PDB file of N, CA and C in Angstrom:
ATOM      1  N   MET A   1       7.657  28.814 -28.393  1.00  0.00           N
ATOM      2  CA  MET A   1       7.367  28.367 -27.042  1.00  0.00           C
ATOM      3  C   MET A   1       5.895  27.946 -26.975  1.00  0.00           C
ATOM      4  N   THR A   2       5.622  26.799 -26.382  1.00  0.00           N
ATOM      5  CA  THR A   2       4.254  26.308 -26.285  1.00  0.00           C
ATOM      6  C   THR A   2       3.597  26.824 -25.014  1.00  0.00           C
ATOM      7  N   ALA A   3       2.277  26.960 -25.087  1.00  0.00           N
ATOM      8  CA  ALA A   3       1.531  27.431 -23.922  1.00  0.00           C
ATOM      9  C   ALA A   3       1.425  26.316 -22.893  1.00  0.00           C
ATOM     10  N   ARG A   4       1.368  26.707 -21.628  1.00  0.00           N
ATOM     11  CA  ARG A   4       1.180  25.720 -20.552  1.00  0.00           C
ATOM     12  C   ARG A   4      -0.206  25.119 -20.654  1.00  0.00           C
ATOM     13  N   ARG A   5      -0.299  23.851 -20.355  1.00  0.00           N
ATOM     14  CA  ARG A   5      -1.580  23.148 -20.336  1.00  0.00           C
ATOM     15  C   ARG A   5      -2.396  23.704 -19.184  1.00  0.00           C
ATOM     16  N   ALA A   6      -3.665  23.968 -19.401  1.00  0.00           N
ATOM     17  CA  ALA A   6      -4.554  24.439 -18.344  1.00  0.00           C
ATOM     18  C   ALA A   6      -5.903  23.753 -18.510  1.00  0.00           C
ATOM     19  N   ILE A   7      -6.463  23.300 -17.403  1.00  0.00           N
ATOM     20  CA  ILE A   7      -7.794  22.706 -17.435  1.00  0.00           C
ATOM     21  C   ILE A   7      -8.638  23.288 -16.318  1.00  0.00           C
ATOM     22  N   ALA A   8      -9.919  23.357 -16.591  1.00  0.00           N
ATOM     23  CA  ALA A   8     -10.891  23.746 -15.575  1.00  0.00           C
ATOM     24  C   ALA A   8     -11.627  22.479 -15.175  1.00  0.00           C
ATOM     25  N   ALA A   9     -11.903  22.342 -13.898  1.00  0.00           N
ATOM     26  CA  ALA A   9     -12.576  21.151 -13.406  1.00  0.00           C
ATOM     27  C   ALA A   9     -13.452  21.518 -12.218  1.00  0.00           C
ATOM     28  N   ILE A  10     -14.337  20.601 -11.900  1.00  0.00           N
ATOM     29  CA  ILE A  10     -15.155  20.735 -10.704  1.00  0.00           C
ATOM     30  C   ILE A  10     -14.722  19.607  -9.767  1.00  0.00           C
ATOM     31  N   GLY A  11     -14.280  19.967  -8.582  1.00  0.00           N
ATOM     32  CA  GLY A  11     -13.839  18.990  -7.596  1.00  0.00           C
ATOM     33  C   GLY A  11     -14.762  18.972  -6.404  1.00  0.00           C
ATOM     34  N   PRO A  12     -14.406  18.258  -5.367  1.00  0.00           N
ATOM     35  CA  PRO A  12     -15.271  18.148  -4.184  1.00  0.00           C
ATOM     36  C   PRO A  12     -15.451  19.471  -3.440  1.00  0.00           C
ATOM     37  N   HIS A  13     -14.539  20.411  -3.657  1.00  0.00           N
ATOM     38  CA  HIS A  13     -14.617  21.707  -2.984  1.00  0.00           C
ATOM     39  C   HIS A  13     -15.013  22.824  -3.929  1.00  0.00           C
ATOM     40  N   GLY A  14     -15.506  22.475  -5.133  1.00  0.00           N
ATOM     41  CA  GLY A  14     -15.945  23.468  -6.093  1.00  0.00           C
ATOM     42  C   GLY A  14     -15.029  23.547  -7.300  1.00  0.00           C
ATOM     43  N   PRO A  15     -15.133  24.642  -8.058  1.00  0.00           N
ATOM     44  CA  PRO A  15     -14.336  24.792  -9.281  1.00  0.00           C
ATOM     45  C   PRO A  15     -12.848  24.903  -8.986  1.00  0.00           C
ATOM     46  N   LEU A  16     -12.027  24.377  -9.887  1.00  0.00           N
ATOM     47  CA  LEU A  16     -10.592  24.542  -9.773  1.00  0.00           C
ATOM     48  C   LEU A  16      -9.982  24.672 -11.156  1.00  0.00           C
ATOM     49  N   ARG A  17      -8.861  25.356 -11.197  1.00  0.00           N
ATOM     50  CA  ARG A  17      -8.108  25.540 -12.438  1.00  0.00           C
ATOM     51  C   ARG A  17      -6.709  25.001 -12.177  1.00  0.00           C
ATOM     52  N   VAL A  18      -6.309  24.033 -12.985  1.00  0.00           N
ATOM     53  CA  VAL A  18      -5.024  23.368 -12.808  1.00  0.00           C
ATOM     54  C   VAL A  18      -4.200  23.583 -14.064  1.00  0.00           C
ATOM     55  N   THR A  19      -2.905  23.872 -13.898  1.00  0.00           N
ATOM     56  CA  THR A  19      -2.057  24.169 -15.052  1.00  0.00           C
ATOM     57  C   THR A  19      -0.826  23.263 -15.094  1.00  0.00           C
ATOM     58  N   GLY A  20      -0.182  23.265 -16.244  1.00  0.00           N
ATOM     59  CA  GLY A  20       1.096  22.592 -16.427  1.00  0.00           C
ATOM     60  C   GLY A  20       1.017  21.080 -16.302  1.00  0.00           C
ATOM     61  N   GLN A  21       2.094  20.508 -15.808  1.00  0.00           N
ATOM     62  CA  GLN A  21       2.188  19.059 -15.667  1.00  0.00           C
ATOM     63  C   GLN A  21       1.181  18.521 -14.656  1.00  0.00           C
ATOM     64  N   VAL A  22       0.828  19.325 -13.671  1.00  0.00           N
ATOM     65  CA  VAL A  22      -0.164  18.908 -12.685  1.00  0.00           C
ATOM     66  C   VAL A  22      -1.509  18.701 -13.380  1.00  0.00           C
ATOM     67  N   ALA A  23      -1.826  19.543 -14.350  1.00  0.00           N
ATOM     68  CA  ALA A  23      -3.062  19.382 -15.123  1.00  0.00           C
ATOM     69  C   ALA A  23      -3.043  18.073 -15.908  1.00  0.00           C
ATOM     70  N   LYS A  24      -1.922  17.757 -16.521  1.00  0.00           N
ATOM     71  CA  LYS A  24      -1.806  16.491 -17.251  1.00  0.00           C
ATOM     72  C   LYS A  24      -1.988  15.303 -16.321  1.00  0.00           C
ATOM     73  N   ALA A  25      -1.398  15.384 -15.132  1.00  0.00           N
ATOM     74  CA  ALA A  25      -1.525  14.302 -14.162  1.00  0.00           C
ATOM     75  C   ALA A  25      -2.982  14.129 -13.735  1.00  0.00           C
ATOM     76  N   LEU A  26      -3.693  15.229 -13.517  1.00  0.00           N
ATOM     77  CA  LEU A  26      -5.102  15.147 -13.142  1.00  0.00           C
ATOM     78  C   LEU A  26      -5.917  14.495 -14.255  1.00  0.00           C
ATOM     79  N   GLU A  27      -5.655  14.873 -15.489  1.00  0.00           N
ATOM     80  CA  GLU A  27      -6.366  14.254 -16.613  1.00  0.00           C
ATOM     81  C   GLU A  27      -6.132  12.747 -16.657  1.00  0.00           C
ATOM     82  N   VAL A  28      -4.902  12.331 -16.415  1.00  0.00           N
ATOM     83  CA  VAL A  28      -4.554  10.905 -16.414  1.00  0.00           C
ATOM     84  C   VAL A  28      -5.285  10.183 -15.290  1.00  0.00           C
ATOM     85  N   LEU A  29      -5.302  10.766 -14.100  1.00  0.00           N
ATOM     86  CA  LEU A  29      -5.981  10.136 -12.963  1.00  0.00           C
ATOM     87  C   LEU A  29      -7.484  10.008 -13.221  1.00  0.00           C
ATOM     88  N   VAL A  30      -8.082  11.030 -13.784  1.00  0.00           N
ATOM     89  CA  VAL A  30      -9.515  10.983 -14.101  1.00  0.00           C
ATOM     90  C   VAL A  30      -9.779   9.917 -15.159  1.00  0.00           C
ATOM     91  N   ALA A  31      -8.938   9.873 -16.183  1.00  0.00           N
ATOM     92  CA  ALA A  31      -9.129   8.920 -17.283  1.00  0.00           C
ATOM     93  C   ALA A  31      -9.000   7.469 -16.827  1.00  0.00           C
ATOM     94  N   HIS A  32      -8.095   7.197 -15.879  1.00  0.00           N
ATOM     95  CA  HIS A  32      -7.876   5.820 -15.440  1.00  0.00           C
ATOM     96  C   HIS A  32      -8.856   5.376 -14.356  1.00  0.00           C
ATOM     97  N   GLY A  33      -9.552   6.300 -13.742  1.00  0.00           N
ATOM     98  CA  GLY A  33     -10.592   5.969 -12.778  1.00  0.00           C
ATOM     99  C   GLY A  33     -10.138   5.059 -11.659  1.00  0.00           C
ATOM    100  N   ALA A  34     -10.985   4.055 -11.356  1.00  0.00           N
ATOM    101  CA  ALA A  34     -10.740   3.155 -10.233  1.00  0.00           C
ATOM    102  C   ALA A  34      -9.529   2.255 -10.436  1.00  0.00           C
ATOM    103  N   ALA A  35      -9.068   2.097 -11.675  1.00  0.00           N
ATOM    104  CA  ALA A  35      -7.888   1.266 -11.948  1.00  0.00           C
ATOM    105  C   ALA A  35      -6.614   1.942 -11.469  1.00  0.00           C
ATOM    106  N   GLY A  36      -6.632   3.254 -11.400  1.00  0.00           N
ATOM    107  CA  GLY A  36      -5.445   3.980 -10.979  1.00  0.00           C
ATOM    108  C   GLY A  36      -4.323   3.889 -11.996  1.00  0.00           C
ATOM    109  N   VAL A  37      -3.185   4.454 -11.632  1.00  0.00           N
ATOM    110  CA  VAL A  37      -2.060   4.533 -12.555  1.00  0.00           C
ATOM    111  C   VAL A  37      -0.745   4.590 -11.775  1.00  0.00           C
ATOM    112  N   THR A  38       0.309   4.016 -12.359  1.00  0.00           N
ATOM    113  CA  THR A  38       1.644   4.092 -11.764  1.00  0.00           C
ATOM    114  C   THR A  38       2.478   5.096 -12.546  1.00  0.00           C
ATOM    115  N   SER A  39       3.574   5.516 -11.948  1.00  0.00           N
ATOM    116  CA  SER A  39       4.469   6.463 -12.617  1.00  0.00           C
ATOM    117  C   SER A  39       5.001   5.898 -13.923  1.00  0.00           C
ATOM    118  N   LEU A  40       5.326   4.616 -13.934  1.00  0.00           N
ATOM    119  CA  LEU A  40       5.861   3.992 -15.144  1.00  0.00           C
ATOM    120  C   LEU A  40       4.848   4.008 -16.284  1.00  0.00           C
ATOM    121  N   GLU A  41       3.584   3.795 -15.966  1.00  0.00           N
ATOM    122  CA  GLU A  41       2.540   3.749 -16.992  1.00  0.00           C
ATOM    123  C   GLU A  41       2.328   5.092 -17.684  1.00  0.00           C
ATOM    124  N   VAL A  42       2.673   6.176 -17.027  1.00  0.00           N
ATOM    125  CA  VAL A  42       2.445   7.502 -17.606  1.00  0.00           C
ATOM    126  C   VAL A  42       3.724   8.326 -17.701  1.00  0.00           C
ATOM    127  N   ALA A  43       4.865   7.652 -17.749  1.00  0.00           N
ATOM    128  CA  ALA A  43       6.154   8.352 -17.746  1.00  0.00           C
ATOM    129  C   ALA A  43       6.290   9.336 -18.901  1.00  0.00           C
ATOM    130  N   SER A  44       5.662   9.061 -20.030  1.00  0.00           N
ATOM    131  CA  SER A  44       5.787   9.968 -21.171  1.00  0.00           C
ATOM    132  C   SER A  44       4.897  11.207 -21.025  1.00  0.00           C
ATOM    133  N   VAL A  45       3.919  11.145 -20.137  1.00  0.00           N
ATOM    134  CA  VAL A  45       2.987  12.261 -19.953  1.00  0.00           C
ATOM    135  C   VAL A  45       3.276  13.033 -18.670  1.00  0.00           C
ATOM    136  N   ALA A  46       3.452  12.301 -17.583  1.00  0.00           N
ATOM    137  CA  ALA A  46       3.642  12.914 -16.271  1.00  0.00           C
ATOM    138  C   ALA A  46       4.882  12.304 -15.621  1.00  0.00           C
ATOM    139  N   TYR A  47       6.029  12.830 -15.981  1.00  0.00           N
ATOM    140  CA  TYR A  47       7.315  12.255 -15.585  1.00  0.00           C
ATOM    141  C   TYR A  47       7.492  12.152 -14.070  1.00  0.00           C
ATOM    142  N   ARG A  48       7.006  13.132 -13.329  1.00  0.00           N
ATOM    143  CA  ARG A  48       7.162  13.154 -11.872  1.00  0.00           C
ATOM    144  C   ARG A  48       5.790  13.010 -11.211  1.00  0.00           C
ATOM    145  N   LEU A  49       5.121  11.903 -11.518  1.00  0.00           N
ATOM    146  CA  LEU A  49       3.739  11.710 -11.088  1.00  0.00           C
ATOM    147  C   LEU A  49       3.561  11.878  -9.582  1.00  0.00           C
ATOM    148  N   ALA A  50       4.436  11.316  -8.779  1.00  0.00           N
ATOM    149  CA  ALA A  50       4.291  11.420  -7.322  1.00  0.00           C
ATOM    150  C   ALA A  50       4.291  12.883  -6.861  1.00  0.00           C
ATOM    151  N   ALA A  51       5.114  13.697  -7.463  1.00  0.00           N
ATOM    152  CA  ALA A  51       5.161  15.124  -7.104  1.00  0.00           C
ATOM    153  C   ALA A  51       3.860  15.829  -7.503  1.00  0.00           C
ATOM    154  N   TYR A  52       3.322  15.477  -8.670  1.00  0.00           N
ATOM    155  CA  TYR A  52       2.073  16.094  -9.124  1.00  0.00           C
ATOM    156  C   TYR A  52       0.906  15.644  -8.249  1.00  0.00           C
ATOM    157  N   VAL A  53       0.919  14.383  -7.827  1.00  0.00           N
ATOM    158  CA  VAL A  53      -0.107  13.876  -6.923  1.00  0.00           C
ATOM    159  C   VAL A  53      -0.029  14.637  -5.594  1.00  0.00           C
ATOM    160  N   HIS A  54       1.173  14.871  -5.106  1.00  0.00           N
ATOM    161  CA  HIS A  54       1.357  15.656  -3.880  1.00  0.00           C
ATOM    162  C   HIS A  54       0.692  17.027  -4.034  1.00  0.00           C
ATOM    163  N   ASN A  55       0.945  17.693  -5.158  1.00  0.00           N
ATOM    164  CA  ASN A  55       0.339  19.012  -5.400  1.00  0.00           C
ATOM    165  C   ASN A  55      -1.181  18.923  -5.441  1.00  0.00           C
ATOM    166  N   LEU A  56      -1.704  17.922  -6.115  1.00  0.00           N
ATOM    167  CA  LEU A  56      -3.163  17.774  -6.207  1.00  0.00           C
ATOM    168  C   LEU A  56      -3.776  17.535  -4.835  1.00  0.00           C
ATOM    169  N   ARG A  57      -3.092  16.798  -3.997  1.00  0.00           N
ATOM    170  CA  ARG A  57      -3.584  16.550  -2.637  1.00  0.00           C
ATOM    171  C   ARG A  57      -3.545  17.816  -1.793  1.00  0.00           C
ATOM    172  N   HIS A  58      -2.401  18.478  -1.782  1.00  0.00           N
ATOM    173  CA  HIS A  58      -2.182  19.583  -0.850  1.00  0.00           C
ATOM    174  C   HIS A  58      -2.664  20.938  -1.356  1.00  0.00           C
ATOM    175  N   ASP A  59      -2.537  21.205  -2.648  1.00  0.00           N
ATOM    176  CA  ASP A  59      -2.951  22.506  -3.175  1.00  0.00           C
ATOM    177  C   ASP A  59      -4.419  22.547  -3.583  1.00  0.00           C
ATOM    178  N   TYR A  60      -4.991  21.375  -3.945  1.00  0.00           N
ATOM    179  CA  TYR A  60      -6.362  21.334  -4.458  1.00  0.00           C
ATOM    180  C   TYR A  60      -7.297  20.509  -3.586  1.00  0.00           C
ATOM    181  N   GLY A  61      -6.779  19.876  -2.536  1.00  0.00           N
ATOM    182  CA  GLY A  61      -7.603  19.136  -1.596  1.00  0.00           C
ATOM    183  C   GLY A  61      -8.222  17.861  -2.139  1.00  0.00           C
ATOM    184  N   LEU A  62      -7.601  17.252  -3.153  1.00  0.00           N
ATOM    185  CA  LEU A  62      -8.152  16.037  -3.738  1.00  0.00           C
ATOM    186  C   LEU A  62      -7.696  14.810  -2.952  1.00  0.00           C
ATOM    187  N   ALA A  63      -8.593  13.846  -2.828  1.00  0.00           N
ATOM    188  CA  ALA A  63      -8.263  12.582  -2.164  1.00  0.00           C
ATOM    189  C   ALA A  63      -7.717  11.625  -3.217  1.00  0.00           C
ATOM    190  N   ILE A  64      -6.458  11.235  -3.051  1.00  0.00           N
ATOM    191  CA  ILE A  64      -5.804  10.314  -3.976  1.00  0.00           C
ATOM    192  C   ILE A  64      -5.133   9.244  -3.128  1.00  0.00           C
ATOM    193  N   GLU A  65      -5.565   8.001  -3.314  1.00  0.00           N
ATOM    194  CA  GLU A  65      -5.026   6.880  -2.559  1.00  0.00           C
ATOM    195  C   GLU A  65      -3.760   6.358  -3.230  1.00  0.00           C
ATOM    196  N   THR A  66      -2.782   5.958  -2.423  1.00  0.00           N
ATOM    197  CA  THR A  66      -1.592   5.280  -2.922  1.00  0.00           C
ATOM    198  C   THR A  66      -1.694   3.817  -2.510  1.00  0.00           C
ATOM    199  N   VAL A  67      -1.807   2.942  -3.511  1.00  0.00           N
ATOM    200  CA  VAL A  67      -1.898   1.508  -3.269  1.00  0.00           C
ATOM    201  C   VAL A  67      -0.526   0.918  -3.538  1.00  0.00           C
ATOM    202  N   ARG A  68       0.016   0.185  -2.571  1.00  0.00           N
ATOM    203  CA  ARG A  68       1.330  -0.456  -2.749  1.00  0.00           C
ATOM    204  C   ARG A  68       1.169  -1.748  -3.539  1.00  0.00           C
ATOM    205  N   GLU A  69       1.933  -1.855  -4.616  1.00  0.00           N
ATOM    206  CA  GLU A  69       1.940  -3.064  -5.434  1.00  0.00           C
ATOM    207  C   GLU A  69       3.329  -3.687  -5.373  1.00  0.00           C
ATOM    208  N   PRO A  70       3.414  -4.935  -4.909  1.00  0.00           N
ATOM    209  CA  PRO A  70       4.733  -5.577  -4.869  1.00  0.00           C
ATOM    210  C   PRO A  70       5.224  -5.918  -6.277  1.00  0.00           C
ATOM    211  N   HIS A  71       6.516  -5.881  -6.449  1.00  0.00           N
ATOM    212  CA  HIS A  71       7.152  -6.335  -7.683  1.00  0.00           C
ATOM    213  C   HIS A  71       8.554  -6.804  -7.321  1.00  0.00           C
ATOM    214  N   ASP A  72       9.243  -7.414  -8.278  1.00  0.00           N
ATOM    215  CA  ASP A  72      10.597  -7.902  -7.995  1.00  0.00           C
ATOM    216  C   ASP A  72      11.457  -6.749  -7.497  1.00  0.00           C
ATOM    217  N   GLY A  73      11.997  -6.909  -6.307  1.00  0.00           N
ATOM    218  CA  GLY A  73      12.886  -5.888  -5.769  1.00  0.00           C
ATOM    219  C   GLY A  73      12.208  -4.848  -4.904  1.00  0.00           C
ATOM    220  N   GLY A  74      10.907  -4.952  -4.663  1.00  0.00           N
ATOM    221  CA  GLY A  74      10.269  -3.954  -3.812  1.00  0.00           C
ATOM    222  C   GLY A  74       8.800  -3.757  -4.106  1.00  0.00           C
ATOM    223  N   TRP A  75       8.391  -2.511  -4.135  1.00  0.00           N
ATOM    224  CA  TRP A  75       6.996  -2.179  -4.413  1.00  0.00           C
ATOM    225  C   TRP A  75       6.931  -0.873  -5.201  1.00  0.00           C
ATOM    226  N   ARG A  76       5.795  -0.663  -5.819  1.00  0.00           N
ATOM    227  CA  ARG A  76       5.537   0.598  -6.530  1.00  0.00           C
ATOM    228  C   ARG A  76       4.193   1.127  -6.059  1.00  0.00           C
ATOM    229  N   GLY A  77       3.983   2.411  -6.224  1.00  0.00           N
ATOM    230  CA  GLY A  77       2.720   3.019  -5.838  1.00  0.00           C
ATOM    231  C   GLY A  77       1.795   3.168  -7.031  1.00  0.00           C
ATOM    232  N   ARG A  78       0.553   2.762  -6.846  1.00  0.00           N
ATOM    233  CA  ARG A  78      -0.493   2.999  -7.845  1.00  0.00           C
ATOM    234  C   ARG A  78      -1.387   4.084  -7.256  1.00  0.00           C
ATOM    235  N   PHE A  79      -1.543   5.164  -7.980  1.00  0.00           N
ATOM    236  CA  PHE A  79      -2.328   6.298  -7.510  1.00  0.00           C
ATOM    237  C   PHE A  79      -3.746   6.195  -8.047  1.00  0.00           C
ATOM    238  N   VAL A  80      -4.722   6.269  -7.123  1.00  0.00           N
ATOM    239  CA  VAL A  80      -6.129   6.140  -7.492  1.00  0.00           C
ATOM    240  C   VAL A  80      -6.867   7.378  -6.974  1.00  0.00           C
ATOM    241  N   LEU A  81      -7.472   8.110  -7.887  1.00  0.00           N
ATOM    242  CA  LEU A  81      -8.234   9.302  -7.526  1.00  0.00           C
ATOM    243  C   LEU A  81      -9.520   8.871  -6.835  1.00  0.00           C
ATOM    244  N   GLN A  82      -9.712   9.296  -5.593  1.00  0.00           N
ATOM    245  CA  GLN A  82     -10.906   8.960  -4.824  1.00  0.00           C
ATOM    246  C   GLN A  82     -11.956  10.065  -4.897  1.00  0.00           C
ATOM    247  N   SER A  83     -11.518  11.303  -5.059  1.00  0.00           N
ATOM    248  CA  SER A  83     -12.447  12.425  -5.168  1.00  0.00           C
ATOM    249  C   SER A  83     -13.156  12.390  -6.515  1.00  0.00           C
ATOM    250  N   VAL A  84     -14.385  12.854  -6.517  1.00  0.00           N
ATOM    251  CA  VAL A  84     -15.119  12.984  -7.772  1.00  0.00           C
ATOM    252  C   VAL A  84     -14.668  14.289  -8.425  1.00  0.00           C
ATOM    253  N   VAL A  85     -14.090  14.167  -9.622  1.00  0.00           N
ATOM    254  CA  VAL A  85     -13.612  15.338 -10.364  1.00  0.00           C
ATOM    255  C   VAL A  85     -14.172  15.261 -11.774  1.00  0.00           C
ATOM    256  N   THR A  86     -14.754  16.357 -12.229  1.00  0.00           N
ATOM    257  CA  THR A  86     -15.272  16.445 -13.587  1.00  0.00           C
ATOM    258  C   THR A  86     -14.481  17.487 -14.337  1.00  0.00           C
ATOM    259  N   ILE A  87     -13.855  17.083 -15.424  1.00  0.00           N
ATOM    260  CA  ILE A  87     -13.092  18.008 -16.259  1.00  0.00           C
ATOM    261  C   ILE A  87     -14.087  18.746 -17.165  1.00  0.00           C
ATOM    262  N   ALA A  88     -14.007  20.073 -17.150  1.00  0.00           N
ATOM    263  CA  ALA A  88     -14.909  20.884 -17.975  1.00  0.00           C
ATOM    264  C   ALA A  88     -14.498  20.776 -19.445  1.00  0.00           C
ATOM    265  N   GLU A  89     -15.457  20.905 -20.302  1.00  0.00           N
ATOM    266  CA  GLU A  89     -15.184  20.897 -21.740  1.00  0.00           C
ATOM    267  C   GLU A  89     -14.383  22.150 -22.096  1.00  0.00           C
ATOM    268  N   PRO A  90     -13.542  22.082 -23.133  1.00  0.00           N
ATOM    269  CA  PRO A  90     -12.792  23.274 -23.553  1.00  0.00           C
ATOM    270  C   PRO A  90     -13.733  24.441 -23.818  1.00  0.00           C
ATOM    271  N   GLY A  91     -13.321  25.600 -23.366  1.00  0.00           N
ATOM    272  CA  GLY A  91     -14.115  26.805 -23.575  1.00  0.00           C
ATOM    273  C   GLY A  91     -15.069  27.109 -22.446  1.00  0.00           C
ATOM    274  N   GLN A  92     -15.144  26.248 -21.444  1.00  0.00           N
ATOM    275  CA  GLN A  92     -16.045  26.519 -20.325  1.00  0.00           C
ATOM    276  C   GLN A  92     -15.311  27.206 -19.207  1.00  0.00           C
TER     277      GLN A  92
END
């Protein structure tokens, strides 16, 4: 059995510890910066990105914008992290 992913970060409201798939989603949002990311772009890492974004917004108080992008047949959401978040180095 593998250990759950856990990261320590500094957010707008101070230190936070995020675990599991929500931690992976936060890492992806930080890595993509102002370009943001869609669920399809990170399906192999964060399968339920919208749910993880919901958790980051409501449980950790992070500001994450949803930008509507039109495509054939409708629209998709691009999630862009607006809060300044710094991921701590391993061991901190």
